[in-house]
Amino acid sequence: MRLKKSFRLSHVALYSKGWYETSDDVVSDLIKILNLDDYSPFDKNDVLRILLSNYEESFEINLIDFISSINQHNCWKHGYYTKNCEWVKEHETLPEYDMYMAVIYKILSDIRFIERNSWDVKFPKYSKNLKRPEHIKIRTLFEFFGKKK
């Protein structure tokens, strides 16, 4: 994935790269994360609009590839599993396909793989609502980000 310019949503990049604990509700997670990036989304539509505008600004997009990747038969490649994923055990318990969610997962997947010099690296802001994943130790934080400022 090629970038036109640095991706501005630092905490979204941290979230997509696993520096924040995730829940089963990606939209709620992103509402909290986007607040750290100075946005105040209220719902899935707001989250999608903010992510899309920043994604479009930073990434070189091939529209045909993008649309193909959010197709309900391909979206599992970006971590979005729906009832159409028949090869997943107990796929009946998965949600129905939602194009907005497919776009959100596609964007998070692409952000996950951008290089460190392609976004404004910031120290994560952990709180009771945004926790550090158990596998990330304090020592790892300081090694990767340096001392918290």
C-alpha atoms as a PDB file:
ATOM      1  CA  MET A   1       0.000   0.000   0.000  1.00  0.00           C
ATOM      2  CA  ARG A   2       1.461   3.309  -1.067  1.00  0.00           C
ATOM      3  CA  LEU A   3       0.931   6.518   0.820  1.00  0.00           C
ATOM      4  CA  LYS A   4       0.585  10.044  -0.566  1.00  0.00           C
ATOM      5  CA  LYS A   5       1.404  11.588   2.810  1.00  0.00           C
ATOM      6  CA  SER A   6       1.652  10.669   6.488  1.00  0.00           C
ATOM      7  CA  PHE A   7      -1.426   9.260   8.141  1.00  0.00           C
ATOM      8  CA  ARG A   8      -2.614  11.773  10.752  1.00  0.00           C
ATOM      9  CA  LEU A   9      -4.703   9.635  13.108  1.00  0.00           C
ATOM     10  CA  SER A  10      -1.919   8.512  15.428  1.00  0.00           C
ATOM     11  CA  HIS A  11      -4.060   6.717  17.983  1.00  0.00           C
ATOM     12  CA  VAL A  12      -6.077   4.961  15.277  1.00  0.00           C
ATOM     13  CA  ALA A  13      -2.757   3.698  13.911  1.00  0.00           C
ATOM     14  CA  LEU A  14      -1.798   2.534  17.416  1.00  0.00           C
ATOM     15  CA  TYR A  15      -5.165   0.790  17.777  1.00  0.00           C
ATOM     16  CA  SER A  16      -4.870  -0.959  14.420  1.00  0.00           C
ATOM     17  CA  LYS A  17      -1.341  -2.098  15.314  1.00  0.00           C
ATOM     18  CA  GLY A  18      -2.475  -3.621  18.617  1.00  0.00           C
ATOM     19  CA  TRP A  19      -1.166  -1.053  21.112  1.00  0.00           C
ATOM     20  CA  TYR A  20      -4.641  -0.672  22.653  1.00  0.00           C
ATOM     21  CA  GLU A  21      -6.827  -3.432  24.035  1.00  0.00           C
ATOM     22  CA  THR A  22      -9.722  -4.218  21.689  1.00  0.00           C
ATOM     23  CA  SER A  23     -13.263  -5.283  22.418  1.00  0.00           C
ATOM     24  CA  ASP A  24     -15.867  -7.013  20.293  1.00  0.00           C
ATOM     25  CA  ASP A  25     -17.357  -3.598  19.488  1.00  0.00           C
ATOM     26  CA  VAL A  26     -14.907  -1.953  17.081  1.00  0.00           C
ATOM     27  CA  VAL A  27     -17.096   1.120  16.609  1.00  0.00           C
ATOM     28  CA  SER A  28     -17.199   1.854  20.360  1.00  0.00           C
ATOM     29  CA  ASP A  29     -13.444   1.322  20.525  1.00  0.00           C
ATOM     30  CA  LEU A  30     -12.897   3.725  17.635  1.00  0.00           C
ATOM     31  CA  ILE A  31     -15.167   6.383  19.130  1.00  0.00           C
ATOM     32  CA  LYS A  32     -12.884   6.408  22.203  1.00  0.00           C
ATOM     33  CA  ILE A  33      -9.705   6.252  20.101  1.00  0.00           C
ATOM     34  CA  LEU A  34     -10.792   9.046  17.756  1.00  0.00           C
ATOM     35  CA  ASN A  35     -11.332  11.274  20.785  1.00  0.00           C
ATOM     36  CA  LEU A  36      -7.593  10.952  21.430  1.00  0.00           C
ATOM     37  CA  ASP A  37      -7.005  12.115  17.849  1.00  0.00           C
ATOM     38  CA  ASP A  38      -9.159  15.229  18.501  1.00  0.00           C
ATOM     39  CA  TYR A  39     -12.383  14.026  16.882  1.00  0.00           C
ATOM     40  CA  SER A  40     -15.755  13.536  18.569  1.00  0.00           C
ATOM     41  CA  PRO A  41     -17.697  10.895  16.656  1.00  0.00           C
ATOM     42  CA  PHE A  42     -21.125   9.840  17.917  1.00  0.00           C
ATOM     43  CA  ASP A  43     -21.843   6.733  15.885  1.00  0.00           C
ATOM     44  CA  LYS A  44     -20.710   4.354  13.144  1.00  0.00           C
ATOM     45  CA  ASN A  45     -21.455   6.936  10.415  1.00  0.00           C
ATOM     46  CA  ASP A  46     -19.195   9.506  12.063  1.00  0.00           C
ATOM     47  CA  VAL A  47     -16.429   6.938  12.570  1.00  0.00           C
ATOM     48  CA  LEU A  48     -16.662   5.877   8.932  1.00  0.00           C
ATOM     49  CA  ARG A  49     -16.621   9.478   7.652  1.00  0.00           C
ATOM     50  CA  ILE A  50     -13.552  10.400   9.735  1.00  0.00           C
ATOM     51  CA  LEU A  51     -11.642   7.246   8.800  1.00  0.00           C
ATOM     52  CA  LEU A  52     -12.506   7.532   5.109  1.00  0.00           C
ATOM     53  CA  SER A  53     -11.521  11.188   4.816  1.00  0.00           C
ATOM     54  CA  ASN A  54      -8.166  10.578   6.519  1.00  0.00           C
ATOM     55  CA  TYR A  55      -7.595   7.361   4.572  1.00  0.00           C
ATOM     56  CA  GLU A  56      -8.332   9.058   1.251  1.00  0.00           C
ATOM     57  CA  GLU A  57      -6.022  11.937   2.154  1.00  0.00           C
ATOM     58  CA  SER A  58      -3.083   9.628   2.959  1.00  0.00           C
ATOM     59  CA  PHE A  59      -3.404   6.496   0.827  1.00  0.00           C
ATOM     60  CA  GLU A  60      -3.159   6.042  -2.906  1.00  0.00           C
ATOM     61  CA  ILE A  61      -6.386   4.202  -3.623  1.00  0.00           C
ATOM     62  CA  ASN A  62      -7.204   1.886  -6.500  1.00  0.00           C
ATOM     63  CA  LEU A  63     -10.984   2.024  -6.362  1.00  0.00           C
ATOM     64  CA  ILE A  64     -11.519  -1.324  -8.092  1.00  0.00           C
ATOM     65  CA  ASP A  65      -9.229  -3.099  -5.605  1.00  0.00           C
ATOM     66  CA  PHE A  66     -10.821  -1.272  -2.674  1.00  0.00           C
ATOM     67  CA  ILE A  67     -14.364  -2.226  -3.690  1.00  0.00           C
ATOM     68  CA  SER A  68     -13.324  -5.808  -4.347  1.00  0.00           C
ATOM     69  CA  SER A  69     -11.700  -6.054  -0.909  1.00  0.00           C
ATOM     70  CA  ILE A  70     -14.854  -4.928   0.940  1.00  0.00           C
ATOM     71  CA  ASN A  71     -17.041  -7.372  -0.977  1.00  0.00           C
ATOM     72  CA  GLN A  72     -18.897  -9.669   1.398  1.00  0.00           C
ATOM     73  CA  HIS A  73     -16.936 -12.652   0.084  1.00  0.00           C
ATOM     74  CA  ASN A  74     -13.521 -10.985   0.575  1.00  0.00           C
ATOM     75  CA  CYS A  75     -13.919  -8.894   3.740  1.00  0.00           C
ATOM     76  CA  TRP A  76     -12.727 -11.767   5.972  1.00  0.00           C
ATOM     77  CA  LYS A  77      -9.226 -11.022   4.644  1.00  0.00           C
ATOM     78  CA  HIS A  78      -9.323  -7.815   6.708  1.00  0.00           C
ATOM     79  CA  GLY A  79     -10.649  -9.384   9.898  1.00  0.00           C
ATOM     80  CA  TYR A  80     -14.346  -8.788   9.234  1.00  0.00           C
ATOM     81  CA  TYR A  81     -16.152 -12.116   9.557  1.00  0.00           C
ATOM     82  CA  THR A  82     -19.835 -12.364   8.625  1.00  0.00           C
ATOM     83  CA  LYS A  83     -22.430 -15.070   8.085  1.00  0.00           C
ATOM     84  CA  ASN A  84     -21.105 -15.430   4.532  1.00  0.00           C
ATOM     85  CA  CYS A  85     -17.897 -16.926   5.928  1.00  0.00           C
ATOM     86  CA  GLU A  86     -19.190 -20.466   5.657  1.00  0.00           C
ATOM     87  CA  TRP A  87     -15.762 -21.959   6.305  1.00  0.00           C
ATOM     88  CA  VAL A  88     -15.736 -20.426   9.821  1.00  0.00           C
ATOM     89  CA  LYS A  89     -17.116 -22.774  12.471  1.00  0.00           C
ATOM     90  CA  GLU A  90     -20.391 -21.546  13.939  1.00  0.00           C
ATOM     91  CA  HIS A  91     -20.752 -18.896  11.227  1.00  0.00           C
ATOM     92  CA  GLU A  92     -24.453 -18.624  12.150  1.00  0.00           C
ATOM     93  CA  THR A  93     -23.467 -16.573  15.208  1.00  0.00           C
ATOM     94  CA  LEU A  94     -21.586 -14.027  13.091  1.00  0.00           C
ATOM     95  CA  PRO A  95     -23.218 -10.724  12.088  1.00  0.00           C
ATOM     96  CA  GLU A  96     -24.864 -10.045   8.742  1.00  0.00           C
ATOM     97  CA  TYR A  97     -22.639  -8.263   6.234  1.00  0.00           C
ATOM     98  CA  ASP A  98     -22.567  -4.475   6.725  1.00  0.00           C
ATOM     99  CA  MET A  99     -20.745  -2.479   4.059  1.00  0.00           C
ATOM    100  CA  TYR A 100     -19.826   0.298   6.513  1.00  0.00           C
ATOM    101  CA  MET A 101     -18.191  -2.214   8.827  1.00  0.00           C
ATOM    102  CA  ALA A 102     -16.391  -3.817   5.890  1.00  0.00           C
ATOM    103  CA  VAL A 103     -14.920  -0.408   4.991  1.00  0.00           C
ATOM    104  CA  ILE A 104     -13.873   0.243   8.601  1.00  0.00           C
ATOM    105  CA  TYR A 105     -12.119  -3.123   8.838  1.00  0.00           C
ATOM    106  CA  LYS A 106     -10.436  -2.616   5.441  1.00  0.00           C
ATOM    107  CA  ILE A 107      -9.075   0.765   6.520  1.00  0.00           C
ATOM    108  CA  LEU A 108      -7.838  -0.577   9.871  1.00  0.00           C
ATOM    109  CA  SER A 109      -6.172  -3.475   8.067  1.00  0.00           C
ATOM    110  CA  ASP A 110      -4.329  -1.149   5.682  1.00  0.00           C
ATOM    111  CA  ILE A 111      -3.258   1.161   8.513  1.00  0.00           C
ATOM    112  CA  ARG A 112      -1.934  -1.809  10.471  1.00  0.00           C
ATOM    113  CA  PHE A 113       0.755  -2.380   7.849  1.00  0.00           C
ATOM    114  CA  ILE A 114       2.036   1.165   7.309  1.00  0.00           C
ATOM    115  CA  GLU A 115       5.626   1.757   8.333  1.00  0.00           C
ATOM    116  CA  ARG A 116       6.626   3.712  11.415  1.00  0.00           C
ATOM    117  CA  ASN A 117       7.781   6.725   9.375  1.00  0.00           C
ATOM    118  CA  SER A 118       4.365   6.896   7.644  1.00  0.00           C
ATOM    119  CA  TRP A 119       2.427   8.207  10.646  1.00  0.00           C
ATOM    120  CA  ASP A 120       2.969  10.541  13.585  1.00  0.00           C
ATOM    121  CA  VAL A 121       4.091   8.086  16.272  1.00  0.00           C
ATOM    122  CA  LYS A 122       2.778   9.065  19.715  1.00  0.00           C
ATOM    123  CA  PHE A 123       2.911   7.383  23.092  1.00  0.00           C
ATOM    124  CA  PRO A 124      -0.412   5.580  23.775  1.00  0.00           C
ATOM    125  CA  LYS A 125      -2.762   7.259  26.266  1.00  0.00           C
ATOM    126  CA  TYR A 126      -4.014   4.460  28.464  1.00  0.00           C
ATOM    127  CA  SER A 127      -6.940   4.934  30.826  1.00  0.00           C
ATOM    128  CA  LYS A 128      -9.641   2.845  32.466  1.00  0.00           C
ATOM    129  CA  ASN A 129     -11.564   2.970  29.161  1.00  0.00           C
ATOM    130  CA  LEU A 130      -8.531   2.415  26.909  1.00  0.00           C
ATOM    131  CA  LYS A 131      -6.312  -0.254  28.336  1.00  0.00           C
ATOM    132  CA  ARG A 132      -2.909  -1.629  27.472  1.00  0.00           C
ATOM    133  CA  PRO A 133      -3.107  -5.181  26.115  1.00  0.00           C
ATOM    134  CA  GLU A 134      -1.704  -7.723  28.564  1.00  0.00           C
ATOM    135  CA  HIS A 135       0.989  -8.889  26.145  1.00  0.00           C
ATOM    136  CA  ILE A 136       2.520  -5.392  25.974  1.00  0.00           C
ATOM    137  CA  LYS A 137       4.784  -4.697  28.912  1.00  0.00           C
ATOM    138  CA  ILE A 138       5.783  -1.247  30.182  1.00  0.00           C
ATOM    139  CA  ARG A 139       9.348  -2.002  29.141  1.00  0.00           C
ATOM    140  CA  THR A 140       8.173  -2.626  25.563  1.00  0.00           C
ATOM    141  CA  LEU A 141       6.427   0.756  25.523  1.00  0.00           C
ATOM    142  CA  PHE A 142       9.574   2.594  26.566  1.00  0.00           C
ATOM    143  CA  GLU A 143      11.704   0.651  24.091  1.00  0.00           C
ATOM    144  CA  PHE A 144       9.384   1.448  21.205  1.00  0.00           C
ATOM    145  CA  PHE A 145       8.241   4.983  22.090  1.00  0.00           C
ATOM    146  CA  GLY A 146      10.899   6.268  24.493  1.00  0.00           C
ATOM    147  CA  LYS A 147       9.951   7.991  27.735  1.00  0.00           C
ATOM    148  CA  LYS A 148       6.414   9.367  27.969  1.00  0.00           C
ATOM    149  CA  LYS A 149       6.398  13.133  27.651  1.00  0.00           C
END
